[in-house]
Amino acid sequence: QIALIVLFQRAMLLKFAEDIDELTQC
């Protein structure tokens, strides 16, 4: 469960960074 949490946190933070980048480009 810790592994799932850590990998999920990483994936979500990378997704947020990608979303921010898309909005910034606009």
PDB file of all heavy atoms in Angstrom:
ATOM      1  N   GLN A   1       0.825  -1.210   0.000  1.00  0.00           N
ATOM      2  CA  GLN A   1       0.000   0.000   0.000  1.00  0.00           C
ATOM      3  C   GLN A   1       0.859   1.261   0.000  1.00  0.00           C
ATOM      4  O   GLN A   1       0.528   2.244  -0.659  1.00  0.00           O
ATOM      5  CB  GLN A   1      -0.951  -0.016   1.202  1.00  0.00           C
ATOM      6  CG  GLN A   1      -2.023  -1.067   1.075  1.00  0.00           C
ATOM      7  CD  GLN A   1      -2.872  -1.206   2.328  1.00  0.00           C
ATOM      8  OE1 GLN A   1      -2.652  -0.529   3.326  1.00  0.00           O
ATOM      9  NE2 GLN A   1      -3.849  -2.088   2.273  1.00  0.00           N
ATOM     10  N   ILE A   2       1.971   1.239   0.713  1.00  0.00           N
ATOM     11  CA  ILE A   2       2.893   2.373   0.689  1.00  0.00           C
ATOM     12  C   ILE A   2       3.431   2.567  -0.728  1.00  0.00           C
ATOM     13  O   ILE A   2       3.527   3.698  -1.217  1.00  0.00           O
ATOM     14  CB  ILE A   2       4.039   2.186   1.710  1.00  0.00           C
ATOM     15  CG1 ILE A   2       3.490   2.309   3.138  1.00  0.00           C
ATOM     16  CG2 ILE A   2       5.167   3.191   1.467  1.00  0.00           C
ATOM     17  CD1 ILE A   2       4.479   1.945   4.218  1.00  0.00           C
ATOM     18  N   ALA A   3       3.770   1.470  -1.393  1.00  0.00           N
ATOM     19  CA  ALA A   3       4.256   1.553  -2.782  1.00  0.00           C
ATOM     20  C   ALA A   3       3.207   2.200  -3.674  1.00  0.00           C
ATOM     21  O   ALA A   3       3.522   3.086  -4.483  1.00  0.00           O
ATOM     22  CB  ALA A   3       4.615   0.161  -3.300  1.00  0.00           C
ATOM     23  N   LEU A   4       1.967   1.775  -3.533  1.00  0.00           N
ATOM     24  CA  LEU A   4       0.889   2.369  -4.336  1.00  0.00           C
ATOM     25  C   LEU A   4       0.749   3.863  -4.056  1.00  0.00           C
ATOM     26  O   LEU A   4       0.583   4.662  -4.981  1.00  0.00           O
ATOM     27  CB  LEU A   4      -0.439   1.662  -4.048  1.00  0.00           C
ATOM     28  CG  LEU A   4      -0.576   0.237  -4.551  1.00  0.00           C
ATOM     29  CD1 LEU A   4      -1.925  -0.340  -4.126  1.00  0.00           C
ATOM     30  CD2 LEU A   4      -0.415   0.168  -6.053  1.00  0.00           C
ATOM     31  N   ILE A   5       0.836   4.238  -2.791  1.00  0.00           N
ATOM     32  CA  ILE A   5       0.696   5.651  -2.420  1.00  0.00           C
ATOM     33  C   ILE A   5       1.828   6.479  -3.028  1.00  0.00           C
ATOM     34  O   ILE A   5       1.589   7.520  -3.642  1.00  0.00           O
ATOM     35  CB  ILE A   5       0.650   5.817  -0.886  1.00  0.00           C
ATOM     36  CG1 ILE A   5      -0.669   5.269  -0.344  1.00  0.00           C
ATOM     37  CG2 ILE A   5       0.857   7.266  -0.472  1.00  0.00           C
ATOM     38  CD1 ILE A   5      -0.702   5.120   1.170  1.00  0.00           C
ATOM     39  N   VAL A   6       3.064   6.028  -2.865  1.00  0.00           N
ATOM     40  CA  VAL A   6       4.216   6.796  -3.373  1.00  0.00           C
ATOM     41  C   VAL A   6       4.147   6.928  -4.889  1.00  0.00           C
ATOM     42  O   VAL A   6       4.341   8.027  -5.433  1.00  0.00           O
ATOM     43  CB  VAL A   6       5.546   6.141  -2.938  1.00  0.00           C
ATOM     44  CG1 VAL A   6       6.725   6.768  -3.649  1.00  0.00           C
ATOM     45  CG2 VAL A   6       5.729   6.252  -1.430  1.00  0.00           C
ATOM     46  N   LEU A   7       3.870   5.839  -5.573  1.00  0.00           N
ATOM     47  CA  LEU A   7       3.808   5.897  -7.036  1.00  0.00           C
ATOM     48  C   LEU A   7       2.618   6.733  -7.507  1.00  0.00           C
ATOM     49  O   LEU A   7       2.711   7.464  -8.501  1.00  0.00           O
ATOM     50  CB  LEU A   7       3.776   4.484  -7.618  1.00  0.00           C
ATOM     51  CG  LEU A   7       5.051   3.665  -7.357  1.00  0.00           C
ATOM     52  CD1 LEU A   7       4.877   2.228  -7.820  1.00  0.00           C
ATOM     53  CD2 LEU A   7       6.267   4.298  -7.988  1.00  0.00           C
ATOM     54  N   PHE A   8       1.516   6.672  -6.782  1.00  0.00           N
ATOM     55  CA  PHE A   8       0.360   7.512  -7.096  1.00  0.00           C
ATOM     56  C   PHE A   8       0.689   8.990  -6.885  1.00  0.00           C
ATOM     57  O   PHE A   8       0.363   9.835  -7.720  1.00  0.00           O
ATOM     58  CB  PHE A   8      -0.844   7.103  -6.236  1.00  0.00           C
ATOM     59  CG  PHE A   8      -2.026   8.011  -6.381  1.00  0.00           C
ATOM     60  CD1 PHE A   8      -2.835   7.953  -7.505  1.00  0.00           C
ATOM     61  CD2 PHE A   8      -2.323   8.950  -5.402  1.00  0.00           C
ATOM     62  CE1 PHE A   8      -3.928   8.805  -7.647  1.00  0.00           C
ATOM     63  CE2 PHE A   8      -3.406   9.802  -5.530  1.00  0.00           C
ATOM     64  CZ  PHE A   8      -4.209   9.730  -6.660  1.00  0.00           C
ATOM     65  N   GLN A   9       1.330   9.303  -5.765  1.00  0.00           N
ATOM     66  CA  GLN A   9       1.702  10.692  -5.500  1.00  0.00           C
ATOM     67  C   GLN A   9       2.599  11.230  -6.610  1.00  0.00           C
ATOM     68  O   GLN A   9       2.397  12.348  -7.090  1.00  0.00           O
ATOM     69  CB  GLN A   9       2.432  10.806  -4.149  1.00  0.00           C
ATOM     70  CG  GLN A   9       1.541  10.632  -2.958  1.00  0.00           C
ATOM     71  CD  GLN A   9       2.318  10.585  -1.664  1.00  0.00           C
ATOM     72  OE1 GLN A   9       3.470  10.165  -1.625  1.00  0.00           O
ATOM     73  NE2 GLN A   9       1.681  11.013  -0.579  1.00  0.00           N
ATOM     74  N   ARG A  10       3.566  10.443  -7.020  1.00  0.00           N
ATOM     75  CA  ARG A  10       4.472  10.872  -8.094  1.00  0.00           C
ATOM     76  C   ARG A  10       3.700  11.102  -9.389  1.00  0.00           C
ATOM     77  O   ARG A  10       3.871  12.126 -10.051  1.00  0.00           O
ATOM     78  CB  ARG A  10       5.558   9.826  -8.309  1.00  0.00           C
ATOM     79  CG  ARG A  10       6.529  10.193  -9.419  1.00  0.00           C
ATOM     80  CD  ARG A  10       7.686   9.196  -9.480  1.00  0.00           C
ATOM     81  NE  ARG A  10       8.618   9.594 -10.507  1.00  0.00           N
ATOM     82  CZ  ARG A  10       8.625   9.118 -11.741  1.00  0.00           C
ATOM     83  NH1 ARG A  10       7.743   8.199 -12.097  1.00  0.00           N
ATOM     84  NH2 ARG A  10       9.508   9.533 -12.619  1.00  0.00           N
ATOM     85  N   ALA A  11       2.840  10.161  -9.739  1.00  0.00           N
ATOM     86  CA  ALA A  11       2.061  10.287 -10.973  1.00  0.00           C
ATOM     87  C   ALA A  11       1.164  11.527 -10.928  1.00  0.00           C
ATOM     88  O   ALA A  11       1.068  12.264 -11.923  1.00  0.00           O
ATOM     89  CB  ALA A  11       1.221   9.031 -11.198  1.00  0.00           C
ATOM     90  N   MET A  12       0.543  11.773  -9.795  1.00  0.00           N
ATOM     91  CA  MET A  12      -0.344  12.937  -9.686  1.00  0.00           C
ATOM     92  C   MET A  12       0.432  14.247  -9.766  1.00  0.00           C
ATOM     93  O   MET A  12      -0.004  15.194 -10.435  1.00  0.00           O
ATOM     94  CB  MET A  12      -1.160  12.875  -8.392  1.00  0.00           C
ATOM     95  CG  MET A  12      -2.253  11.825  -8.403  1.00  0.00           C
ATOM     96  SD  MET A  12      -3.444  12.066  -9.744  1.00  0.00           S
ATOM     97  CE  MET A  12      -4.133  13.657  -9.333  1.00  0.00           C
ATOM     98  N   LEU A  13       1.564  14.318  -9.098  1.00  0.00           N
ATOM     99  CA  LEU A  13       2.357  15.544  -9.154  1.00  0.00           C
ATOM    100  C   LEU A  13       2.852  15.813 -10.578  1.00  0.00           C
ATOM    101  O   LEU A  13       2.844  16.959 -11.040  1.00  0.00           O
ATOM    102  CB  LEU A  13       3.527  15.473  -8.173  1.00  0.00           C
ATOM    103  CG  LEU A  13       3.143  15.568  -6.699  1.00  0.00           C
ATOM    104  CD1 LEU A  13       4.337  15.270  -5.803  1.00  0.00           C
ATOM    105  CD2 LEU A  13       2.542  16.927  -6.367  1.00  0.00           C
ATOM    106  N   LEU A  14       3.255  14.756 -11.279  1.00  0.00           N
ATOM    107  CA  LEU A  14       3.679  14.925 -12.675  1.00  0.00           C
ATOM    108  C   LEU A  14       2.507  15.366 -13.546  1.00  0.00           C
ATOM    109  O   LEU A  14       2.667  16.199 -14.447  1.00  0.00           O
ATOM    110  CB  LEU A  14       4.303  13.636 -13.202  1.00  0.00           C
ATOM    111  CG  LEU A  14       5.645  13.258 -12.577  1.00  0.00           C
ATOM    112  CD1 LEU A  14       6.085  11.873 -13.049  1.00  0.00           C
ATOM    113  CD2 LEU A  14       6.710  14.305 -12.888  1.00  0.00           C
ATOM    114  N   LYS A  15       1.327  14.837 -13.264  1.00  0.00           N
ATOM    115  CA  LYS A  15       0.128  15.232 -14.018  1.00  0.00           C
ATOM    116  C   LYS A  15      -0.229  16.690 -13.740  1.00  0.00           C
ATOM    117  O   LYS A  15      -0.555  17.442 -14.679  1.00  0.00           O
ATOM    118  CB  LYS A  15      -1.037  14.307 -13.646  1.00  0.00           C
ATOM    119  CG  LYS A  15      -2.368  14.683 -14.276  1.00  0.00           C
ATOM    120  CD  LYS A  15      -2.372  14.456 -15.777  1.00  0.00           C
ATOM    121  CE  LYS A  15      -3.760  14.624 -16.329  1.00  0.00           C
ATOM    122  NZ  LYS A  15      -3.841  15.617 -17.374  1.00  0.00           N
ATOM    123  N   PHE A  16      -0.148  17.107 -12.482  1.00  0.00           N
ATOM    124  CA  PHE A  16      -0.404  18.512 -12.154  1.00  0.00           C
ATOM    125  C   PHE A  16       0.599  19.418 -12.874  1.00  0.00           C
ATOM    126  O   PHE A  16       0.224  20.460 -13.414  1.00  0.00           O
ATOM    127  CB  PHE A  16      -0.335  18.761 -10.643  1.00  0.00           C
ATOM    128  CG  PHE A  16      -1.559  18.315  -9.891  1.00  0.00           C
ATOM    129  CD1 PHE A  16      -1.454  17.443  -8.823  1.00  0.00           C
ATOM    130  CD2 PHE A  16      -2.820  18.778 -10.234  1.00  0.00           C
ATOM    131  CE1 PHE A  16      -2.569  17.025  -8.120  1.00  0.00           C
ATOM    132  CE2 PHE A  16      -3.951  18.373  -9.535  1.00  0.00           C
ATOM    133  CZ  PHE A  16      -3.829  17.494  -8.475  1.00  0.00           C
ATOM    134  N   ALA A  17       1.870  19.022 -12.888  1.00  0.00           N
ATOM    135  CA  ALA A  17       2.900  19.826 -13.558  1.00  0.00           C
ATOM    136  C   ALA A  17       2.590  19.944 -15.052  1.00  0.00           C
ATOM    137  O   ALA A  17       2.737  21.015 -15.646  1.00  0.00           O
ATOM    138  CB  ALA A  17       4.279  19.204 -13.341  1.00  0.00           C
ATOM    139  N   GLU A  18       2.143  18.851 -15.653  1.00  0.00           N
ATOM    140  CA  GLU A  18       1.770  18.858 -17.075  1.00  0.00           C
ATOM    141  C   GLU A  18       0.567  19.770 -17.324  1.00  0.00           C
ATOM    142  O   GLU A  18       0.557  20.553 -18.282  1.00  0.00           O
ATOM    143  CB  GLU A  18       1.449  17.431 -17.517  1.00  0.00           C
ATOM    144  CG  GLU A  18       1.129  17.274 -18.977  1.00  0.00           C
ATOM    145  CD  GLU A  18       0.823  15.829 -19.305  1.00  0.00           C
ATOM    146  OE1 GLU A  18       1.672  14.963 -19.025  1.00  0.00           O
ATOM    147  OE2 GLU A  18      -0.274  15.571 -19.841  1.00  0.00           O
ATOM    148  N   ASP A  19      -0.435  19.696 -16.466  1.00  0.00           N
ATOM    149  CA  ASP A  19      -1.619  20.545 -16.599  1.00  0.00           C
ATOM    150  C   ASP A  19      -1.262  22.023 -16.452  1.00  0.00           C
ATOM    151  O   ASP A  19      -1.775  22.878 -17.187  1.00  0.00           O
ATOM    152  CB  ASP A  19      -2.685  20.169 -15.561  1.00  0.00           C
ATOM    153  CG  ASP A  19      -3.311  18.802 -15.830  1.00  0.00           C
ATOM    154  OD1 ASP A  19      -3.114  18.256 -16.932  1.00  0.00           O
ATOM    155  OD2 ASP A  19      -3.984  18.283 -14.917  1.00  0.00           O
ATOM    156  N   ILE A  20      -0.381  22.330 -15.511  1.00  0.00           N
ATOM    157  CA  ILE A  20       0.064  23.705 -15.316  1.00  0.00           C
ATOM    158  C   ILE A  20       0.790  24.199 -16.560  1.00  0.00           C
ATOM    159  O   ILE A  20       0.576  25.328 -17.016  1.00  0.00           O
ATOM    160  CB  ILE A  20       0.970  23.814 -14.064  1.00  0.00           C
ATOM    161  CG1 ILE A  20       0.144  23.594 -12.800  1.00  0.00           C
ATOM    162  CG2 ILE A  20       1.688  25.158 -14.018  1.00  0.00           C
ATOM    163  CD1 ILE A  20       0.977  23.337 -11.559  1.00  0.00           C
ATOM    164  N   ASP A  21       1.625  23.343 -17.113  1.00  0.00           N
ATOM    165  CA  ASP A  21       2.363  23.705 -18.326  1.00  0.00           C
ATOM    166  C   ASP A  21       1.406  24.024 -19.473  1.00  0.00           C
ATOM    167  O   ASP A  21       1.596  25.008 -20.195  1.00  0.00           O
ATOM    168  CB  ASP A  21       3.318  22.577 -18.713  1.00  0.00           C
ATOM    169  CG  ASP A  21       4.210  22.957 -19.866  1.00  0.00           C
ATOM    170  OD1 ASP A  21       4.815  24.047 -19.820  1.00  0.00           O
ATOM    171  OD2 ASP A  21       4.288  22.164 -20.829  1.00  0.00           O
ATOM    172  N   GLU A  22       0.379  23.217 -19.643  1.00  0.00           N
ATOM    173  CA  GLU A  22      -0.610  23.458 -20.702  1.00  0.00           C
ATOM    174  C   GLU A  22      -1.329  24.789 -20.504  1.00  0.00           C
ATOM    175  O   GLU A  22      -1.509  25.551 -21.460  1.00  0.00           O
ATOM    176  CB  GLU A  22      -1.622  22.315 -20.761  1.00  0.00           C
ATOM    177  CG  GLU A  22      -1.082  21.048 -21.357  1.00  0.00           C
ATOM    178  CD  GLU A  22      -2.088  19.902 -21.336  1.00  0.00           C
ATOM    179  OE1 GLU A  22      -3.304  20.161 -21.159  1.00  0.00           O
ATOM    180  OE2 GLU A  22      -1.657  18.752 -21.483  1.00  0.00           O
ATOM    181  N   LEU A  23      -1.733  25.076 -19.268  1.00  0.00           N
ATOM    182  CA  LEU A  23      -2.403  26.341 -18.991  1.00  0.00           C
ATOM    183  C   LEU A  23      -1.454  27.526 -19.195  1.00  0.00           C
ATOM    184  O   LEU A  23      -1.852  28.567 -19.728  1.00  0.00           O
ATOM    185  CB  LEU A  23      -2.975  26.363 -17.575  1.00  0.00           C
ATOM    186  CG  LEU A  23      -4.243  25.547 -17.370  1.00  0.00           C
ATOM    187  CD1 LEU A  23      -4.588  25.452 -15.893  1.00  0.00           C
ATOM    188  CD2 LEU A  23      -5.406  26.151 -18.138  1.00  0.00           C
ATOM    189  N   THR A  24      -0.207  27.356 -18.787  1.00  0.00           N
ATOM    190  CA  THR A  24       0.777  28.417 -18.959  1.00  0.00           C
ATOM    191  C   THR A  24       1.008  28.711 -20.437  1.00  0.00           C
ATOM    192  O   THR A  24       1.141  29.877 -20.832  1.00  0.00           O
ATOM    193  CB  THR A  24       2.108  28.027 -18.281  1.00  0.00           C
ATOM    194  OG1 THR A  24       1.846  27.741 -16.908  1.00  0.00           O
ATOM    195  CG2 THR A  24       3.129  29.145 -18.375  1.00  0.00           C
ATOM    196  N   GLN A  25       1.023  27.683 -21.259  1.00  0.00           N
ATOM    197  CA  GLN A  25       1.190  27.884 -22.694  1.00  0.00           C
ATOM    198  C   GLN A  25       0.031  28.687 -23.276  1.00  0.00           C
ATOM    199  O   GLN A  25       0.230  29.498 -24.184  1.00  0.00           O
ATOM    200  CB  GLN A  25       1.339  26.548 -23.410  1.00  0.00           C
ATOM    201  CG  GLN A  25       2.691  25.908 -23.189  1.00  0.00           C
ATOM    202  CD  GLN A  25       2.810  24.551 -23.867  1.00  0.00           C
ATOM    203  OE1 GLN A  25       1.986  24.179 -24.678  1.00  0.00           O
ATOM    204  NE2 GLN A  25       3.852  23.817 -23.507  1.00  0.00           N
ATOM    205  N   CYS A  26      -1.155  28.480 -22.769  1.00  0.00           N
ATOM    206  CA  CYS A  26      -2.312  29.268 -23.230  1.00  0.00           C
ATOM    207  C   CYS A  26      -2.106  30.746 -22.926  1.00  0.00           C
ATOM    208  O   CYS A  26      -2.436  31.605 -23.747  1.00  0.00           O
ATOM    209  CB  CYS A  26      -3.603  28.773 -22.580  1.00  0.00           C
ATOM    210  SG  CYS A  26      -4.141  27.151 -23.140  1.00  0.00           S
TER     211      CYS A  26
END
